[in-house]
Amino acid sequence: MKRPLVRALLVSAAVAAAIALAGCDPESITPTGRSLAPISEKTLAEIDAKQMDKDSPILVRIFKEEAEMEVWKKNRDGAFALLKTYPICRWSGDLGPKVKEGDRQAPEGFYTITPGQMNPNSNYYLAFNTGYPNAFDRAWNRTGSELMVHGDCSSRGCYAMTDEQIQEIYALARESFFGGQKDFQLAAFPFRMTALNMAKHRNNPNFAFWKMIKEGYDHFEATHQEPKVAVCEKRYVFDPAQPENATRPLKFDARGQCPVFRLDPTIADAVLDHRRQEQVQMANYIARDVATVPFRVGDGGTNSVFAAKLTSPNIFDNNGRIDQVAGNSQIASGAQVPGALPRTPNPPAVTAEPARTSQPVVMASVPMPQPAPQAKEGEAPPEKPKSIAGLLGNLFSGAQARPTEPAQSQTVALRGSNTKMAAKPKRATPVHTASAPAVPHAKPQDAASAEPTAVAKNVPAPASAVQQARKDDKSPAPDMRTAYSSPPPASNNGMLQGAQPVVPAGSFESRWTALR
């Protein structure tokens, strides 16, 4: 009876301490049942199998490109061992550190999580604050706040998990605080910082920053101990120790000059050997000109376990390349997603090339003309009809014509006037015809409903198509007279006033060219 009571008192004390450290109003933050949920029996069995204790210290690492979060726990030998790897449901921004408020970047670097940063009453189920900006970020005048690790699978600068995942991670952190851990380290990296990955990203503008935080990554990989982090001269320093015969403790100023220090001698050999091997391997990869990774395209990423649920089968991975989700063995075999997704998912936005749309070209409903025979160089042009009747006879070869709508009285401009000549096909020699304004293409729905006025049996005339185009084009256009208009009074032996006898206007091709 006493043990559950003591447990309840410890929980209340821990929550009260968290509220006090956060500087919040106790009435505004009320612990919920979700923040008190116990660790699952399955996870407890894993803890015991790996020679760990439920309340032993933890350490958390995040990898953006792989969209994974690792929870490490100290075993009974005193070294950190990997307990679980959680797929990240959503993170926003691109690879690289957060710089300013509103850039949607999720932070990168080394952060410290205290009980006061745990939020049991988050709007995103449960959460803890990453602590951004830390001393390094402030030294560079970087801005931003309230960057969390939380549930609900929705991110705007945060690392979002499913509700089930954050509940277990929250419980692991809570138990470590109960065990006496004052704070735990959160290390956020752009990717797993192996020599190969560093060589692949060597052209990225954040490469210098990544080389610096890789030192902390290497310290942990070499020792499986939490690296001690300090900041001076606006850069990270890992595992510093006092030099021999030093009398004053080390004091670091994020913007000031670094004090004299040395690498902790208890881990120096292991760290330096690991660092040397990584540098040699990276140099070899660069010398072999290993392919570089292109800059990411889009906003954020998600683990492939969630991709099939959030997006279509064809998605983009964290490198901007198309990932065929159907080929993923875990998803194809029906692996269960670790947690429930929100009703309104927020998949990563990917910058795609805009679709090219083309407007359909609608031609007037007239038979395609055949090219008229042209006079060769040095030969006389064919004889021009002497009257309008002859011209119409050549056009329609005896077909009975009916008059069309009377055209407005304006003389057709022929060769010799100031009007520009109509466009001709490149393959034909130039033929001087009556000039006409360019007719814009009609819209598909207008062209389908238009009924052109015919001037001969079974031969639709393009005159109504020209009129319909004029209705679409509200800009004023000069009237013109065509071969389908009523003939003007004849003069000068049946020829139009101003006409020249050298103009071969007796072919359908010449009239069609003027109207195109």
Protein backbone atom coordinates (compact mmCIF):
# COMPACT_ATOMS: atom_id res chain seq x y z
CA MET A 1 0.00 0.00 0.00
CA LYS A 2 2.82 2.39 0.77
CA ARG A 3 4.71 1.90 -2.50
CA PRO A 4 1.90 3.17 -4.84
CA LEU A 5 1.40 6.11 -2.52
CA VAL A 6 5.06 7.03 -2.61
CA ARG A 7 5.01 6.66 -6.38
CA ALA A 8 2.07 9.05 -6.68
CA LEU A 9 3.80 11.60 -4.47
CA LEU A 10 6.94 11.44 -6.60
CA VAL A 11 4.89 11.99 -9.77
CA SER A 12 3.20 15.03 -8.26
CA ALA A 13 6.54 16.41 -7.10
CA ALA A 14 8.10 15.93 -10.53
CA VAL A 15 5.20 17.71 -12.27
CA ALA A 16 5.38 20.55 -9.76
CA ALA A 17 9.12 20.86 -10.36
CA ALA A 18 8.57 20.94 -14.12
CA ILE A 19 6.04 23.75 -13.77
CA ALA A 20 8.33 25.71 -11.49
CA LEU A 21 11.33 25.35 -13.79
CA ALA A 22 9.26 26.36 -16.80
CA GLY A 23 8.09 29.51 -15.05
CA CYS A 24 4.47 28.73 -15.95
CA ASP A 25 1.26 29.21 -14.03
CA PRO A 26 0.40 25.94 -12.23
CA GLU A 27 -3.28 26.48 -12.95
CA SER A 28 -2.64 26.69 -16.72
CA ILE A 29 -0.74 23.38 -16.94
CA THR A 30 -2.58 20.42 -15.50
CA PRO A 31 -1.03 16.99 -15.89
CA THR A 32 -3.15 14.63 -17.94
CA GLY A 33 -3.46 10.87 -17.86
CA ARG A 34 -1.44 10.57 -21.04
CA SER A 35 1.64 12.13 -19.36
CA LEU A 36 1.37 9.53 -16.55
CA ALA A 37 0.97 6.53 -18.86
CA PRO A 38 3.35 3.71 -17.90
CA ILE A 39 5.97 2.21 -20.17
CA SER A 40 4.54 -0.75 -22.08
CA GLU A 41 5.34 -4.28 -20.96
CA LYS A 42 7.01 -4.98 -24.29
CA THR A 43 9.40 -2.04 -23.90
CA LEU A 44 10.12 -3.00 -20.29
CA ALA A 45 11.08 -6.47 -21.51
CA GLU A 46 13.48 -4.91 -24.04
CA ILE A 47 15.02 -2.76 -21.31
CA ASP A 48 15.62 -5.77 -19.13
CA ALA A 49 16.98 -7.86 -22.01
CA LYS A 50 19.58 -5.18 -22.77
CA GLN A 51 20.82 -5.05 -19.18
CA MET A 52 19.26 -1.66 -18.48
CA ASP A 53 17.13 -0.25 -15.69
CA LYS A 54 13.79 1.45 -16.21
CA ASP A 55 14.99 4.69 -14.58
CA SER A 56 18.54 4.77 -15.97
CA PRO A 57 19.68 7.88 -17.95
CA ILE A 58 18.71 8.34 -21.61
CA LEU A 59 20.18 10.15 -24.63
CA VAL A 60 18.27 11.04 -27.82
CA ARG A 61 19.65 11.43 -31.35
CA ILE A 62 17.71 12.66 -34.42
CA PHE A 63 18.65 12.17 -38.09
CA LYS A 64 16.72 14.30 -40.58
CA GLU A 65 17.58 12.61 -43.87
CA GLU A 66 16.76 9.14 -42.54
CA ALA A 67 13.78 10.57 -40.57
CA GLU A 68 14.68 8.53 -37.48
CA MET A 69 14.93 9.20 -33.76
CA GLU A 70 17.13 7.02 -31.56
CA VAL A 71 16.64 6.62 -27.82
CA TRP A 72 19.77 5.37 -26.05
CA LYS A 73 19.80 4.21 -22.45
CA LYS A 74 22.68 3.62 -20.08
CA ASN A 75 23.16 -0.06 -19.32
CA ARG A 76 24.46 -1.61 -16.13
CA ASP A 77 28.03 -1.43 -17.42
CA GLY A 78 27.82 2.36 -17.51
CA ALA A 79 27.78 2.75 -21.31
CA PHE A 80 24.91 3.95 -23.47
CA ALA A 81 23.28 1.31 -25.66
CA LEU A 82 20.58 1.72 -28.29
CA LEU A 83 17.15 0.93 -26.90
CA LYS A 84 14.82 1.85 -29.78
CA THR A 85 14.74 3.62 -33.13
CA TYR A 86 11.51 5.52 -33.84
CA PRO A 87 10.56 6.55 -37.39
CA ILE A 88 9.83 10.28 -37.50
CA CYS A 89 6.39 11.00 -38.88
CA ARG A 90 7.15 14.55 -40.06
CA TRP A 91 9.86 17.21 -39.93
CA SER A 92 9.87 20.51 -41.77
CA GLY A 93 12.43 22.64 -43.60
CA ASP A 94 15.57 21.39 -45.33
CA LEU A 95 18.86 19.88 -44.24
CA GLY A 96 20.75 22.48 -42.25
CA PRO A 97 20.38 24.42 -38.99
CA LYS A 98 17.60 26.79 -38.06
CA VAL A 99 18.63 30.42 -38.57
CA LYS A 100 15.66 32.71 -37.98
CA GLU A 101 12.06 32.79 -36.88
CA GLY A 102 9.67 31.65 -39.60
CA ASP A 103 12.16 29.78 -41.81
CA ARG A 104 10.38 26.47 -41.01
CA GLN A 105 13.74 24.85 -40.25
CA ALA A 106 13.98 22.15 -37.59
CA PRO A 107 17.07 22.80 -35.44
CA GLU A 108 20.38 20.95 -35.68
CA GLY A 109 23.00 20.80 -32.97
CA PHE A 110 23.30 19.78 -29.31
CA TYR A 111 20.53 20.68 -26.88
CA THR A 112 19.77 19.99 -23.21
CA ILE A 113 16.31 18.85 -22.07
CA THR A 114 15.33 19.48 -18.45
CA PRO A 115 12.12 18.51 -16.61
CA GLY A 116 10.93 22.09 -17.06
CA GLN A 117 10.86 21.62 -20.84
CA MET A 118 8.43 18.69 -20.65
CA ASN A 119 4.89 19.72 -21.60
CA PRO A 120 2.21 17.31 -20.30
CA ASN A 121 -0.63 19.47 -21.64
CA SER A 122 0.51 20.04 -25.22
CA ASN A 123 -1.97 20.75 -28.01
CA TYR A 124 -0.07 18.05 -29.90
CA TYR A 125 -0.79 15.27 -27.37
CA LEU A 126 2.56 15.43 -25.49
CA ALA A 127 5.72 17.40 -26.14
CA PHE A 128 9.08 18.58 -24.88
CA ASN A 129 10.91 21.74 -25.89
CA THR A 130 14.21 21.25 -27.74
CA GLY A 131 15.76 24.26 -25.98
CA TYR A 132 16.43 26.20 -29.19
CA PRO A 133 18.15 28.64 -29.28
CA ASN A 134 21.06 27.28 -27.25
CA ALA A 135 24.30 29.14 -26.47
CA PHE A 136 25.72 28.43 -29.94
CA ASP A 137 22.55 29.68 -31.69
CA ARG A 138 22.45 32.85 -29.57
CA ALA A 139 26.10 33.55 -30.34
CA TRP A 140 25.11 33.70 -34.03
CA ASN A 141 22.01 35.82 -33.26
CA ARG A 142 19.68 33.10 -34.45
CA THR A 143 16.03 33.54 -33.58
CA GLY A 144 13.08 31.25 -33.00
CA SER A 145 11.22 29.68 -30.10
CA GLU A 146 8.85 26.90 -29.09
CA LEU A 147 10.50 24.29 -31.28
CA MET A 148 9.26 20.97 -29.98
CA VAL A 149 9.33 17.24 -30.29
CA HIS A 150 5.63 16.39 -30.14
CA GLY A 151 2.85 14.15 -31.43
CA ASP A 152 0.10 14.62 -34.02
CA CYS A 153 2.42 14.13 -37.03
CA SER A 154 2.30 17.81 -38.01
CA SER A 155 5.39 20.02 -38.16
CA ARG A 156 6.20 23.70 -38.65
CA GLY A 157 9.81 23.71 -37.52
CA CYS A 158 9.42 20.79 -35.11
CA TYR A 159 10.02 17.05 -35.06
CA ALA A 160 6.62 15.37 -35.05
CA MET A 161 5.93 11.79 -33.99
CA THR A 162 2.69 9.86 -33.71
CA ASP A 163 0.80 10.12 -30.43
CA GLU A 164 1.71 6.56 -29.48
CA GLN A 165 5.42 7.21 -30.09
CA ILE A 166 5.62 10.47 -28.14
CA GLN A 167 3.75 8.87 -25.25
CA GLU A 168 6.43 6.19 -24.90
CA ILE A 169 9.33 8.63 -25.39
CA TYR A 170 7.78 10.96 -22.81
CA ALA A 171 7.44 8.06 -20.36
CA LEU A 172 11.09 7.04 -20.85
CA ALA A 173 12.23 10.60 -20.14
CA ARG A 174 9.95 10.85 -17.13
CA GLU A 175 11.33 7.63 -15.63
CA SER A 176 14.92 8.81 -16.18
CA PHE A 177 14.14 12.00 -14.27
CA PHE A 178 12.67 9.86 -11.47
CA GLY A 179 15.96 7.94 -11.46
CA GLY A 180 17.96 11.09 -10.76
CA GLN A 181 18.96 12.29 -14.24
CA LYS A 182 18.84 16.10 -14.11
CA ASP A 183 18.68 16.54 -17.89
CA PHE A 184 19.25 14.52 -21.06
CA GLN A 185 21.02 15.41 -24.28
CA LEU A 186 19.21 15.83 -27.60
CA ALA A 187 21.60 15.73 -30.59
CA ALA A 188 19.99 16.63 -33.94
CA PHE A 189 21.96 15.81 -37.10
CA PRO A 190 21.18 16.30 -40.81
CA PHE A 191 22.00 12.63 -41.51
CA ARG A 192 24.05 9.79 -40.06
CA MET A 193 27.42 11.45 -40.14
CA THR A 194 29.51 8.64 -41.59
CA ALA A 195 32.51 9.34 -43.80
CA LEU A 196 30.54 8.33 -46.89
CA ASN A 197 27.61 10.63 -46.14
CA MET A 198 29.94 13.52 -45.42
CA ALA A 199 31.65 13.00 -48.79
CA LYS A 200 28.28 12.92 -50.54
CA HIS A 201 27.28 16.26 -48.97
CA ARG A 202 30.66 17.99 -49.41
CA ASN A 203 29.18 20.62 -51.77
CA ASN A 204 26.43 21.69 -49.39
CA PRO A 205 26.79 25.26 -48.04
CA ASN A 206 26.29 23.87 -44.50
CA PHE A 207 29.28 21.53 -44.79
CA ALA A 208 31.53 23.56 -42.44
CA PHE A 209 28.85 23.49 -39.73
CA TRP A 210 28.34 19.77 -40.23
CA LYS A 211 32.08 19.07 -39.90
CA MET A 212 32.00 20.83 -36.54
CA ILE A 213 29.06 18.88 -35.10
CA LYS A 214 30.50 15.66 -36.53
CA GLU A 215 33.19 15.92 -33.86
CA GLY A 216 30.51 15.46 -31.19
CA TYR A 217 29.02 12.62 -33.25
CA ASP A 218 32.42 10.90 -33.42
CA HIS A 219 32.98 11.30 -29.67
CA PHE A 220 29.79 9.39 -28.94
CA GLU A 221 30.47 6.75 -31.60
CA ALA A 222 33.94 6.12 -30.17
CA THR A 223 33.00 6.00 -26.48
CA HIS A 224 29.22 5.51 -26.15
CA GLN A 225 29.38 8.18 -23.46
CA GLU A 226 27.45 11.44 -23.54
CA PRO A 227 29.82 14.10 -24.92
CA LYS A 228 30.25 17.17 -22.75
CA VAL A 229 29.42 20.24 -24.84
CA ALA A 230 30.73 23.80 -24.48
CA VAL A 231 30.67 26.84 -26.77
CA CYS A 232 33.39 29.45 -27.28
CA GLU A 233 34.44 31.66 -30.19
CA LYS A 234 31.01 30.87 -31.69
CA ARG A 235 31.79 27.19 -32.15
CA TYR A 236 31.12 23.89 -30.37
CA VAL A 237 33.81 22.30 -28.16
CA PHE A 238 33.48 18.67 -27.06
CA ASP A 239 34.80 16.98 -23.93
CA PRO A 240 37.19 19.77 -22.88
CA ALA A 241 39.37 19.22 -19.81
CA GLN A 242 41.73 21.39 -17.84
CA PRO A 243 45.36 21.29 -18.89
CA GLU A 244 47.86 19.73 -16.53
CA ASN A 245 48.79 21.78 -13.48
CA ALA A 246 45.86 24.18 -14.07
CA THR A 247 44.58 25.95 -10.97
CA ARG A 248 41.46 27.67 -12.33
CA PRO A 249 38.35 25.90 -13.63
CA LEU A 250 37.51 26.25 -17.28
CA LYS A 251 35.15 29.08 -18.15
CA PHE A 252 33.58 29.30 -21.61
CA ASP A 253 32.03 32.32 -23.28
CA ALA A 254 30.04 31.59 -26.43
CA ARG A 255 31.27 34.79 -28.13
CA GLY A 256 34.56 35.14 -26.27
CA GLN A 257 37.94 33.58 -26.72
CA CYS A 258 38.29 29.91 -25.86
CA PRO A 259 40.33 29.14 -22.74
CA VAL A 260 43.31 26.81 -22.88
CA PHE A 261 42.04 23.24 -22.63
CA ARG A 262 42.80 19.73 -23.77
CA LEU A 263 40.72 16.74 -24.81
CA ASP A 264 39.63 14.62 -21.87
CA PRO A 265 42.57 12.20 -21.46
CA THR A 266 40.28 9.34 -20.40
CA ILE A 267 38.76 9.18 -23.88
CA ALA A 268 41.40 10.94 -25.97
CA ASP A 269 42.98 7.81 -27.48
CA ALA A 270 39.67 6.28 -28.57
CA VAL A 271 38.32 9.57 -29.94
CA LEU A 272 41.45 10.56 -31.84
CA ASP A 273 41.80 7.11 -33.40
CA HIS A 274 38.15 7.11 -34.54
CA ARG A 275 38.46 10.66 -35.87
CA ARG A 276 41.61 9.77 -37.83
CA GLN A 277 39.93 6.78 -39.46
CA GLU A 278 36.90 8.90 -40.46
CA GLN A 279 39.09 11.59 -42.00
CA VAL A 280 41.06 9.05 -44.06
CA GLN A 281 37.91 7.36 -45.31
CA MET A 282 36.27 10.67 -46.26
CA ALA A 283 39.43 11.75 -48.13
CA ASN A 284 39.41 8.46 -50.05
CA TYR A 285 35.76 8.89 -51.03
CA ILE A 286 36.41 12.42 -52.24
CA ALA A 287 39.50 11.31 -54.16
CA ARG A 288 37.39 8.65 -55.89
CA ASP A 289 34.94 11.45 -56.77
CA VAL A 290 31.97 9.79 -55.11
CA ALA A 291 28.72 11.26 -56.41
CA THR A 292 27.39 14.20 -54.43
CA VAL A 293 23.81 14.44 -53.20
CA PRO A 294 21.81 17.21 -54.87
CA PHE A 295 20.26 19.86 -52.70
CA ARG A 296 16.90 18.83 -51.39
CA VAL A 297 13.75 20.04 -53.12
CA GLY A 298 10.69 20.61 -51.02
CA ASP A 299 9.77 21.16 -47.40
CA GLY A 300 10.72 18.57 -44.82
CA GLY A 301 10.54 14.83 -44.85
CA THR A 302 8.87 11.76 -43.44
CA ASN A 303 9.97 8.22 -42.81
CA SER A 304 9.09 5.75 -45.59
CA VAL A 305 6.97 3.78 -43.10
CA PHE A 306 4.50 6.66 -43.12
CA ALA A 307 4.94 7.67 -46.75
CA ALA A 308 2.41 5.19 -48.15
CA LYS A 309 -0.23 6.55 -45.79
CA LEU A 310 0.48 10.24 -46.32
CA THR A 311 1.16 10.44 -50.07
CA SER A 312 0.62 8.67 -53.35
CA PRO A 313 2.66 5.53 -54.16
CA ASN A 314 5.26 7.61 -56.01
CA ILE A 315 6.90 9.97 -53.50
CA PHE A 316 10.16 11.85 -53.16
CA ASP A 317 12.73 10.76 -50.61
CA ASN A 318 14.79 13.17 -48.53
CA ASN A 319 17.26 13.67 -51.38
CA GLY A 320 14.58 14.82 -53.83
CA ARG A 321 14.63 11.53 -55.74
CA ILE A 322 11.50 9.52 -56.56
CA ASP A 323 10.98 6.66 -54.13
CA GLN A 324 8.81 3.75 -55.27
CA VAL A 325 6.92 2.95 -52.08
CA ALA A 326 5.43 -0.17 -53.61
CA GLY A 327 8.92 -1.65 -53.64
CA ASN A 328 9.41 -1.15 -49.91
CA SER A 329 9.37 -4.61 -48.38
CA GLN A 330 8.03 -3.46 -45.03
CA ILE A 331 5.10 -1.60 -46.52
CA ALA A 332 4.44 -4.18 -49.21
CA SER A 333 4.28 -6.92 -46.60
CA GLY A 334 1.63 -5.00 -44.67
CA ALA A 335 3.79 -3.70 -41.83
CA GLN A 336 1.73 -1.74 -39.36
CA VAL A 337 2.41 1.98 -39.05
CA PRO A 338 3.74 2.73 -35.53
CA GLY A 339 0.82 4.85 -34.33
CA ALA A 340 -2.31 6.49 -35.62
CA LEU A 341 -1.99 9.28 -38.18
CA PRO A 342 -4.03 12.50 -37.98
CA ARG A 343 -7.29 12.79 -39.88
CA THR A 344 -5.84 15.63 -41.95
CA PRO A 345 -2.28 14.51 -42.83
CA ASN A 346 0.40 17.05 -43.68
CA PRO A 347 2.75 15.35 -46.13
CA PRO A 348 6.03 16.96 -47.18
CA ALA A 349 5.62 19.55 -49.87
CA VAL A 350 7.73 18.87 -52.93
CA THR A 351 8.56 21.47 -55.50
CA ALA A 352 7.40 20.10 -58.84
CA GLU A 353 7.76 21.48 -62.32
CA PRO A 354 4.48 23.12 -63.37
CA ALA A 355 2.49 21.17 -65.91
CA ARG A 356 2.73 22.45 -69.44
CA THR A 357 -0.69 23.11 -70.92
CA SER A 358 -1.27 23.76 -74.60
CA GLN A 359 -4.29 25.48 -76.11
CA PRO A 360 -5.92 23.37 -78.83
CA VAL A 361 -5.68 24.89 -82.28
CA VAL A 362 -9.09 25.15 -83.94
CA MET A 363 -9.14 25.58 -87.69
CA ALA A 364 -12.05 26.89 -89.70
CA SER A 365 -14.24 24.11 -91.03
CA VAL A 366 -13.24 24.41 -94.67
CA PRO A 367 -11.55 21.89 -96.96
CA MET A 368 -7.79 22.01 -96.93
CA PRO A 369 -6.62 23.90 -100.03
CA GLN A 370 -4.13 22.56 -102.50
CA PRO A 371 -1.22 24.76 -103.56
CA ALA A 372 -1.86 26.60 -106.78
CA PRO A 373 0.63 26.24 -109.62
CA GLN A 374 3.07 29.13 -109.54
CA ALA A 375 4.77 30.74 -112.50
CA LYS A 376 8.39 29.81 -112.90
CA GLU A 377 11.08 32.43 -113.14
CA GLY A 378 11.22 33.93 -116.59
CA GLU A 379 7.70 32.77 -117.56
CA ALA A 380 4.65 34.99 -117.86
CA PRO A 381 2.09 34.65 -115.10
CA PRO A 382 -1.21 32.95 -115.96
CA GLU A 383 -3.84 35.14 -117.49
CA LYS A 384 -5.99 36.88 -114.88
CA PRO A 385 -9.78 36.69 -115.23
CA LYS A 386 -11.20 39.81 -116.79
CA SER A 387 -14.35 39.94 -114.64
CA ILE A 388 -15.79 39.02 -111.26
CA ALA A 389 -17.90 36.35 -112.91
CA GLY A 390 -14.84 34.70 -114.32
CA LEU A 391 -13.12 34.80 -110.96
CA LEU A 392 -16.08 33.15 -109.23
CA GLY A 393 -16.28 30.60 -112.01
CA ASN A 394 -12.68 29.57 -111.42
CA LEU A 395 -13.26 29.33 -107.69
CA PHE A 396 -16.35 27.21 -107.65
CA SER A 397 -16.34 25.67 -111.15
CA GLY A 398 -19.97 26.14 -112.01
CA ALA A 399 -21.47 25.72 -108.53
CA GLN A 400 -24.62 27.79 -108.01
CA ALA A 401 -23.73 30.53 -105.53
CA ARG A 402 -26.05 32.51 -103.33
CA PRO A 403 -25.36 35.99 -102.03
CA THR A 404 -23.94 36.45 -98.56
CA GLU A 405 -24.50 39.26 -96.08
CA PRO A 406 -23.76 42.65 -97.63
CA ALA A 407 -20.30 43.84 -96.67
CA GLN A 408 -19.49 47.36 -95.52
CA SER A 409 -18.38 49.69 -98.26
CA GLN A 410 -14.62 49.79 -98.15
CA THR A 411 -12.30 49.19 -101.04
CA VAL A 412 -10.05 46.15 -100.81
CA ALA A 413 -6.39 47.13 -100.50
CA LEU A 414 -4.36 45.53 -103.24
CA ARG A 415 -0.71 45.57 -104.21
CA GLY A 416 0.63 49.07 -104.34
CA SER A 417 -1.19 50.26 -101.23
CA ASN A 418 0.39 50.85 -97.80
CA THR A 419 -1.14 47.76 -96.25
CA LYS A 420 1.22 44.97 -95.16
CA MET A 421 1.29 41.81 -97.23
CA ALA A 422 -0.26 38.60 -95.83
CA ALA A 423 1.96 35.75 -94.65
CA LYS A 424 2.70 32.98 -97.13
CA PRO A 425 4.11 29.48 -96.78
CA LYS A 426 7.87 29.39 -96.99
CA ARG A 427 7.88 26.83 -99.76
CA ALA A 428 5.89 28.93 -102.24
CA THR A 429 7.09 31.99 -104.11
CA PRO A 430 5.45 35.19 -102.88
CA VAL A 431 2.02 36.00 -104.36
CA HIS A 432 0.62 39.50 -103.88
CA THR A 433 -2.94 39.33 -102.65
CA ALA A 434 -5.35 41.48 -100.77
CA SER A 435 -4.05 42.09 -97.24
CA ALA A 436 -6.16 41.02 -94.29
CA PRO A 437 -5.76 41.26 -90.52
CA ALA A 438 -4.64 38.10 -88.73
CA VAL A 439 -7.56 36.03 -87.51
CA PRO A 440 -7.08 34.72 -83.95
CA HIS A 441 -7.88 31.09 -83.20
CA ALA A 442 -11.40 30.64 -81.98
CA LYS A 443 -12.07 29.01 -78.58
CA PRO A 444 -13.02 25.32 -78.77
CA GLN A 445 -16.57 25.85 -77.48
CA ASP A 446 -17.14 28.75 -79.87
CA ALA A 447 -15.77 26.89 -82.85
CA ALA A 448 -18.03 23.94 -82.14
CA SER A 449 -21.18 26.05 -82.06
CA ALA A 450 -20.32 28.36 -84.98
CA GLU A 451 -22.17 27.73 -88.27
CA PRO A 452 -20.35 29.44 -91.17
CA THR A 453 -22.37 30.86 -94.03
CA ALA A 454 -21.85 28.84 -97.19
CA VAL A 455 -21.50 30.43 -100.59
CA ALA A 456 -21.66 27.21 -102.57
CA LYS A 457 -23.27 23.82 -102.10
CA ASN A 458 -21.43 21.65 -99.53
CA VAL A 459 -18.63 24.21 -99.31
CA PRO A 460 -18.56 26.00 -95.91
CA ALA A 461 -17.24 29.53 -96.06
CA PRO A 462 -14.78 30.93 -93.54
CA ALA A 463 -16.50 34.33 -93.48
CA SER A 464 -18.56 33.51 -90.37
CA ALA A 465 -15.44 32.13 -88.67
CA VAL A 466 -13.80 35.49 -89.26
CA GLN A 467 -16.84 37.27 -87.84
CA GLN A 468 -16.88 34.98 -84.78
CA ALA A 469 -13.21 35.68 -84.20
CA ARG A 470 -13.97 39.39 -84.37
CA LYS A 471 -16.56 38.94 -81.61
CA ASP A 472 -13.94 37.25 -79.43
CA ASP A 473 -11.41 39.98 -80.16
CA LYS A 474 -12.92 43.18 -78.83
CA SER A 475 -10.16 45.35 -80.34
CA PRO A 476 -11.40 47.25 -83.43
CA ALA A 477 -10.25 45.84 -86.74
CA PRO A 478 -10.63 47.36 -90.21
CA ASP A 479 -13.36 45.92 -92.41
CA MET A 480 -12.25 43.93 -95.37
CA ARG A 481 -13.89 42.62 -98.49
CA THR A 482 -13.40 38.97 -99.42
CA ALA A 483 -14.18 36.78 -102.36
CA TYR A 484 -17.39 35.77 -100.55
CA SER A 485 -18.70 39.35 -100.33
CA SER A 486 -21.12 40.90 -102.80
CA PRO A 487 -19.21 42.07 -105.87
CA PRO A 488 -18.73 45.84 -106.12
CA PRO A 489 -19.71 47.67 -109.26
CA ALA A 490 -17.38 46.72 -112.08
CA SER A 491 -15.33 49.30 -113.89
CA ASN A 492 -12.37 49.43 -116.19
CA ASN A 493 -13.43 46.41 -118.25
CA GLY A 494 -14.80 44.44 -115.29
CA MET A 495 -11.72 44.93 -113.06
CA LEU A 496 -11.70 46.40 -109.55
CA GLN A 497 -10.49 49.96 -109.25
CA GLY A 498 -6.76 50.02 -108.63
CA ALA A 499 -6.22 46.36 -109.59
CA GLN A 500 -3.07 45.39 -111.49
CA PRO A 501 -3.18 42.78 -114.24
CA VAL A 502 -0.06 41.02 -112.92
CA VAL A 503 -1.78 39.87 -109.71
CA PRO A 504 -2.68 36.14 -109.93
CA ALA A 505 -5.83 36.20 -107.81
CA GLY A 506 -7.74 33.44 -109.55
CA SER A 507 -6.83 30.53 -107.24
CA PHE A 508 -8.40 29.33 -104.05
CA GLU A 509 -4.94 29.08 -102.49
CA SER A 510 -4.38 32.83 -102.74
CA ARG A 511 -7.69 33.61 -101.03
CA TRP A 512 -7.11 31.01 -98.30
CA THR A 513 -3.60 32.43 -97.64
CA ALA A 514 -5.04 35.90 -97.15
CA LEU A 515 -7.49 34.65 -94.54
CA ARG A 516 -5.02 32.52 -92.50
